[in-house]
Amino acid sequence: MTDALGPFADSAATAAHYGAKLAFETDASDVAAALEAGVDFHLVDVRGQAAWDQGHAAGAVHIPRQELAARVGELGVGIPVVVYCWGPGCNGGAKGAFELASLGVPVKEMLGGFEYWAREGYPVEGANGPIHREIDPLTAPVAHAISCDC
């Protein structure tokens, strides 16, 4: 049956791959938990002003991707950064993470971006204050605390 799936890597290679992946990426659930726990990091939204005003993760800092190099000093030396853009169909978060890493900043990309942050029911703010969004039942359990239990 593995022919249809292709070859499987050995366990050590697989563990190394996923260990590396977790060093580069995080998700909305883990970011929300870190914010709630008071972990010292910056959550940076790299989208443009109109997108930021429309809605962004509560607690995020807004630095449009084109301004990262000029404004990196605002983030403080050695403070880790989690960066996000629109969603899984957008690579702005990856571009922002690449730029910050190139500038010596410890950084991870938040998978799913703002789309999944909002869809999973985490706090959203817009230009006029908090925005209430219903939890999308396809992305997070609606009957319990917001967590994918993974």
Protein backbone atom coordinates (compact mmCIF):
# COMPACT_ATOMS: atom_id res chain seq x y z
CA MET A 1 0.00 0.00 0.00
CA THR A 2 2.91 2.42 0.40
CA ASP A 3 3.27 2.62 -3.41
CA ALA A 4 0.27 4.95 -3.60
CA LEU A 5 1.72 7.08 -0.79
CA GLY A 6 5.31 7.02 -2.00
CA PRO A 7 8.25 6.08 0.21
CA PHE A 8 8.36 6.82 3.91
CA ALA A 9 11.52 8.31 5.40
CA ASP A 10 13.15 6.55 8.31
CA SER A 11 12.05 7.68 11.78
CA ALA A 12 15.22 9.66 12.53
CA ALA A 13 14.93 11.68 9.30
CA THR A 14 11.24 12.25 9.94
CA ALA A 15 11.89 13.44 13.49
CA ALA A 16 14.62 15.81 12.25
CA HIS A 17 12.28 17.21 9.58
CA TYR A 18 9.40 17.89 11.96
CA GLY A 19 11.71 19.18 14.68
CA ALA A 20 13.11 21.70 12.22
CA LYS A 21 9.63 22.62 11.00
CA LEU A 22 8.53 23.41 14.57
CA ALA A 23 11.58 25.68 14.95
CA PHE A 24 10.33 27.78 12.02
CA GLU A 25 6.54 27.69 12.37
CA THR A 26 3.85 27.98 15.01
CA ASP A 27 0.07 28.23 14.91
CA ALA A 28 -2.67 30.49 16.20
CA SER A 29 -3.44 28.23 19.16
CA ASP A 30 0.15 28.23 20.39
CA VAL A 31 0.49 31.98 19.83
CA ALA A 32 -2.70 32.68 21.79
CA ALA A 33 -1.50 30.43 24.63
CA ALA A 34 1.90 32.19 24.68
CA LEU A 35 0.24 35.62 24.79
CA GLU A 36 -2.01 34.49 27.64
CA ALA A 37 0.97 33.05 29.53
CA GLY A 38 2.89 36.33 29.20
CA VAL A 39 5.71 34.90 27.07
CA ASP A 40 8.06 37.69 25.97
CA PHE A 41 7.76 37.94 22.18
CA HIS A 42 6.32 40.26 19.55
CA LEU A 43 3.41 39.23 17.34
CA VAL A 44 3.94 41.23 14.14
CA ASP A 45 1.32 41.78 11.45
CA VAL A 46 3.10 42.53 8.17
CA ARG A 47 0.00 43.42 6.12
CA GLY A 48 -0.75 46.89 4.82
CA GLN A 49 -2.64 49.62 6.68
CA ALA A 50 -6.07 48.89 5.15
CA ALA A 51 -5.82 45.21 6.13
CA TRP A 52 -4.65 46.12 9.66
CA ASP A 53 -7.56 48.56 10.08
CA GLN A 54 -10.04 45.95 8.84
CA GLY A 55 -8.94 43.54 11.56
CA HIS A 56 -5.85 42.16 13.25
CA ALA A 57 -4.88 39.87 16.10
CA ALA A 58 -5.37 41.61 19.43
CA GLY A 59 -1.95 42.24 20.92
CA ALA A 60 -0.19 42.36 17.56
CA VAL A 61 2.22 45.08 16.45
CA HIS A 62 1.76 46.51 12.97
CA ILE A 63 4.85 46.77 10.81
CA PRO A 64 4.08 46.44 7.09
CA ARG A 65 6.52 44.09 5.38
CA GLN A 66 8.00 46.87 3.26
CA GLU A 67 8.94 48.73 6.48
CA LEU A 68 10.51 45.84 8.42
CA ALA A 69 14.14 46.71 7.71
CA ALA A 70 13.64 50.36 8.62
CA ARG A 71 11.65 49.61 11.79
CA VAL A 72 13.33 46.44 13.11
CA GLY A 73 14.85 48.49 15.96
CA GLU A 74 11.34 48.94 17.40
CA LEU A 75 11.27 45.23 18.23
CA GLY A 76 14.17 45.20 20.68
CA VAL A 77 17.33 43.14 20.49
CA GLY A 78 16.95 39.40 21.03
CA ILE A 79 13.19 39.42 21.57
CA PRO A 80 11.64 36.66 19.46
CA VAL A 81 9.06 37.55 16.84
CA VAL A 82 6.09 35.67 15.45
CA VAL A 83 5.03 37.12 12.13
CA TYR A 84 1.82 36.72 10.17
CA CYS A 85 0.08 37.96 7.03
CA TRP A 86 -3.36 37.16 5.54
CA GLY A 87 -3.62 33.38 5.46
CA PRO A 88 -2.42 30.12 3.99
CA GLY A 89 -2.78 31.40 0.42
CA CYS A 90 -0.39 34.28 1.11
CA ASN A 91 3.38 34.13 1.52
CA GLY A 92 3.76 37.59 3.06
CA GLY A 93 4.40 36.02 6.48
CA ALA A 94 7.18 33.86 5.02
CA LYS A 95 8.67 36.91 3.29
CA GLY A 96 8.52 38.85 6.56
CA ALA A 97 10.10 35.99 8.50
CA PHE A 98 12.87 35.72 5.90
CA GLU A 99 13.60 39.43 6.12
CA LEU A 100 13.62 39.48 9.92
CA ALA A 101 15.84 36.38 10.09
CA SER A 102 18.19 38.01 7.58
CA LEU A 103 18.42 40.95 9.98
CA GLY A 104 19.35 38.63 12.87
CA VAL A 105 15.93 38.52 14.55
CA PRO A 106 14.74 35.19 16.02
CA VAL A 107 11.46 34.59 14.18
CA LYS A 108 8.71 32.10 13.42
CA GLU A 109 5.79 32.33 11.02
CA MET A 110 2.26 31.83 12.34
CA LEU A 111 0.64 29.24 10.09
CA GLY A 112 -2.75 30.23 8.74
CA GLY A 113 -2.08 33.92 9.33
CA PHE A 114 -4.79 36.34 10.33
CA GLU A 115 -7.42 34.20 8.60
CA TYR A 116 -7.00 31.29 10.98
CA TRP A 117 -6.47 33.53 13.99
CA ALA A 118 -9.90 35.04 13.31
CA ARG A 119 -11.60 31.81 12.22
CA GLU A 120 -10.46 30.03 15.38
CA GLY A 121 -12.08 32.72 17.51
CA TYR A 122 -9.07 34.46 18.99
CA PRO A 123 -9.42 38.17 19.87
CA VAL A 124 -9.61 40.49 16.88
CA GLU A 125 -9.41 44.27 16.85
CA GLY A 126 -10.01 46.74 14.04
CA ALA A 127 -9.56 50.47 13.58
CA ASN A 128 -12.63 51.08 15.77
CA GLY A 129 -11.89 48.58 18.54
CA PRO A 130 -12.73 44.93 19.27
CA ILE A 131 -14.49 42.85 16.64
CA HIS A 132 -16.55 39.81 17.64
CA ARG A 133 -16.28 36.87 15.26
CA GLU A 134 -17.99 33.53 15.53
CA ILE A 135 -15.72 30.49 15.71
CA ASP A 136 -15.62 28.56 12.44
CA PRO A 137 -16.54 24.97 13.41
CA LEU A 138 -14.27 23.68 10.63
CA THR A 139 -11.20 25.14 12.34
CA ALA A 140 -11.82 24.88 16.09
CA PRO A 141 -14.18 23.15 18.50
CA VAL A 142 -17.06 25.48 19.34
CA ALA A 143 -18.42 23.65 22.40
CA HIS A 144 -15.26 23.88 24.51
CA ALA A 145 -12.41 26.28 25.16
CA ILE A 146 -10.79 27.41 21.93
CA SER A 147 -8.18 24.76 21.33
CA CYS A 148 -7.60 22.11 18.71
CA ASP A 149 -6.44 19.76 21.49
CA CYS A 150 -3.28 18.96 19.57
